């Protein structure tokens, strides 16, 4: 089963995407030899050397381990695409983090968190009612006594 993938090929210093097809190559033949030859002859382009080298290594690995070259290539291409997807997601998330809206949301979250911490602060324990009454009485008692003495003086006068 032939697999296809897209690679940025070189056209006189300019990179352009080209769809390449991978099948089981003949023994002793490079997996992309015919496509690279066609690309050079008919289009004036070339498959980059690192891609040619990588497919040559994949062919050696498939022969050494007796696995299908096409399936090995499909697996490697899927892994590369997954890695690119993850990298793109990370890049997008990083760029979003720099946007003013995200910064504003972070500021609001920080403010809410601060308010929640303030609201959750423990309040001092309340004193039992008897103790509160004693505190109130001790604060009011001297004033009451002073008023009583004053009233007595007024009566006697």
Protein backbone atom coordinates (compact mmCIF):
# COMPACT_ATOMS: atom_id res chain seq x y z
CA UNK A 1 0.00 0.00 0.00
CA UNK A 2 1.51 3.31 -1.07
CA UNK A 3 1.76 6.09 1.54
CA UNK A 4 1.94 9.76 0.71
CA UNK A 5 3.39 12.70 2.58
CA UNK A 6 4.28 16.30 1.88
CA UNK A 7 7.81 17.63 2.08
CA UNK A 8 9.24 21.09 1.48
CA UNK A 9 11.48 20.58 -1.56
CA UNK A 10 14.12 22.94 -2.90
CA UNK A 11 13.49 24.82 -6.14
CA UNK A 12 16.57 26.96 -6.71
CA UNK A 13 16.76 28.12 -3.09
CA UNK A 14 13.01 28.48 -2.68
CA UNK A 15 11.10 25.89 -0.63
CA UNK A 16 7.75 24.59 -1.86
CA UNK A 17 5.61 21.69 -0.63
CA UNK A 18 5.61 18.59 -2.82
CA UNK A 19 3.58 15.42 -2.30
CA UNK A 20 5.82 12.34 -2.33
CA UNK A 21 4.68 8.73 -2.48
CA UNK A 22 6.30 5.88 -0.60
CA UNK A 23 6.03 2.26 -1.58
CA UNK A 24 8.27 -0.76 -1.14
CA UNK A 25 11.46 0.07 -3.08
CA UNK A 26 13.35 -2.47 -5.11
CA UNK A 27 16.36 -4.02 -3.37
CA UNK A 28 19.38 -1.75 -3.74
CA UNK A 29 17.21 1.21 -4.78
CA UNK A 30 16.63 4.38 -2.78
CA UNK A 31 12.95 4.78 -1.75
CA UNK A 32 12.72 8.28 -3.28
CA UNK A 33 15.23 7.92 -6.12
CA UNK A 34 12.72 7.99 -8.98
CA UNK A 35 10.68 10.83 -7.52
CA UNK A 36 13.81 12.89 -6.85
CA UNK A 37 14.96 12.27 -10.44
CA UNK A 38 11.55 13.28 -11.82
CA UNK A 39 11.45 16.38 -9.62
CA UNK A 40 14.90 17.47 -10.84
CA UNK A 41 14.25 16.72 -14.53
CA UNK A 42 10.67 17.97 -14.93
CA UNK A 43 10.37 20.63 -12.24
CA UNK A 44 13.90 21.80 -11.54
CA UNK A 45 13.65 20.85 -7.86
CA UNK A 46 15.18 18.41 -5.41
CA UNK A 47 14.13 16.50 -2.32
CA UNK A 48 16.27 17.86 0.57
CA UNK A 49 19.29 15.73 1.49
CA UNK A 50 18.16 15.17 5.08
CA UNK A 51 14.87 13.68 3.82
CA UNK A 52 16.72 11.44 1.34
CA UNK A 53 19.08 10.32 4.14
CA UNK A 54 16.20 9.69 6.55
CA UNK A 55 14.32 7.48 4.08
CA UNK A 56 17.51 5.59 3.31
CA UNK A 57 17.95 4.90 7.05
CA UNK A 58 14.30 3.85 7.36
CA UNK A 59 14.77 1.41 4.48
CA UNK A 60 17.84 -0.09 6.23
CA UNK A 61 15.93 -0.39 9.51
CA UNK A 62 12.95 -2.08 7.83
CA UNK A 63 15.20 -4.60 6.05
CA UNK A 64 17.25 -5.31 9.18
CA UNK A 65 14.15 -5.83 11.35
CA UNK A 66 12.05 -7.49 8.64
CA UNK A 67 9.17 -5.03 8.91
CA UNK A 68 7.21 -3.39 6.14
CA UNK A 69 8.96 -0.28 4.85
CA UNK A 70 5.61 1.38 4.10
CA UNK A 71 4.27 0.70 7.60
CA UNK A 72 7.48 1.92 9.21
CA UNK A 73 7.30 5.14 7.16
CA UNK A 74 3.61 5.60 8.02
CA UNK A 75 4.44 5.22 11.72
CA UNK A 76 7.33 7.72 11.57
CA UNK A 77 5.25 10.25 9.60
CA UNK A 78 2.37 9.96 12.11
CA UNK A 79 4.80 10.55 14.98
CA UNK A 80 6.31 13.57 13.23
CA UNK A 81 2.85 15.02 12.57
CA UNK A 82 1.84 14.47 16.21
CA UNK A 83 5.01 16.23 17.36
CA UNK A 84 4.31 19.15 15.01
CA UNK A 85 0.74 19.34 16.30
CA UNK A 86 1.94 19.45 19.91
CA UNK A 87 4.52 22.11 19.04
CA UNK A 88 1.85 24.19 17.28
CA UNK A 89 -0.48 23.88 20.28
CA UNK A 90 2.30 25.01 22.63
CA UNK A 91 3.11 27.96 20.35
CA UNK A 92 -0.57 28.97 20.19
CA UNK A 93 -0.95 28.70 23.96
CA UNK A 94 2.17 30.80 24.48
CA UNK A 95 0.94 33.48 22.10
CA UNK A 96 -2.47 33.53 23.81
CA UNK A 97 -0.82 33.99 27.19
CA UNK A 98 0.68 37.26 25.93
CA UNK A 99 -2.64 38.69 24.75
CA UNK A 100 -4.20 41.53 26.81
CA UNK A 101 -7.46 39.62 27.32
CA UNK A 102 -5.64 36.71 28.94
CA UNK A 103 -3.61 39.07 31.11
CA UNK A 104 -6.84 40.82 32.18
CA UNK A 105 -8.40 37.45 33.07
CA UNK A 106 -5.30 36.60 35.11
CA UNK A 107 -5.55 39.95 36.91
CA UNK A 108 -9.23 39.35 37.68
CA UNK A 109 -8.46 35.84 38.92
CA UNK A 110 -5.73 37.22 41.18
CA UNK A 111 -8.13 39.84 42.58
CA UNK A 112 -10.82 37.23 43.23
CA UNK A 113 -8.28 34.96 44.89
CA UNK A 114 -7.16 37.83 47.14
CA UNK A 115 -10.78 38.62 48.05
CA UNK A 116 -11.47 34.98 48.81
CA UNK A 117 -8.39 34.79 51.05
CA UNK A 118 -9.58 37.93 52.86
CA UNK A 119 -13.08 36.50 53.29
CA UNK A 120 -11.75 33.21 54.58
CA UNK A 121 -9.55 34.78 57.27
CA UNK A 122 -10.59 33.38 60.63
CA UNK A 123 -12.46 35.83 62.83
CA UNK A 124 -11.51 36.11 66.47
CA UNK A 125 -13.49 33.71 68.60
CA UNK A 126 -16.52 35.16 70.27
CA UNK A 127 -16.55 35.24 74.03
CA UNK A 128 -19.27 33.41 75.83
CA UNK A 129 -22.25 35.66 76.68
CA UNK A 130 -21.47 35.69 80.43
CA UNK A 131 -17.93 36.87 79.77
CA UNK A 132 -19.23 39.53 77.36
CA UNK A 133 -21.67 40.76 79.98
CA UNK A 134 -18.87 41.01 82.52
CA UNK A 135 -16.76 43.02 80.08
CA UNK A 136 -19.66 45.37 79.33
CA UNK A 137 -20.54 45.67 83.01
CA UNK A 138 -16.98 46.46 84.04
CA UNK A 139 -16.80 49.17 81.36
CA UNK A 140 -20.18 50.71 82.26
CA UNK A 141 -20.09 50.25 86.04
CA UNK A 142 -17.86 53.24 86.91
CA UNK A 143 -20.08 55.56 84.86
CA UNK A 144 -23.22 54.25 86.54
CA UNK A 145 -21.70 54.68 90.01
CA UNK A 146 -20.62 58.21 89.13
CA UNK A 147 -24.15 59.05 87.95
CA UNK A 148 -25.65 57.55 91.12
CA UNK A 149 -23.31 59.65 93.32
CA UNK A 150 -24.19 62.74 91.29
CA UNK A 151 -27.91 62.06 91.61
CA UNK A 152 -27.56 61.64 95.41
CA UNK A 153 -25.72 64.95 95.66
CA UNK A 154 -28.48 66.63 93.67
CA UNK A 155 -31.14 65.15 95.99
CA UNK A 156 -29.32 66.29 99.11
CA UNK A 157 -28.77 69.72 97.81
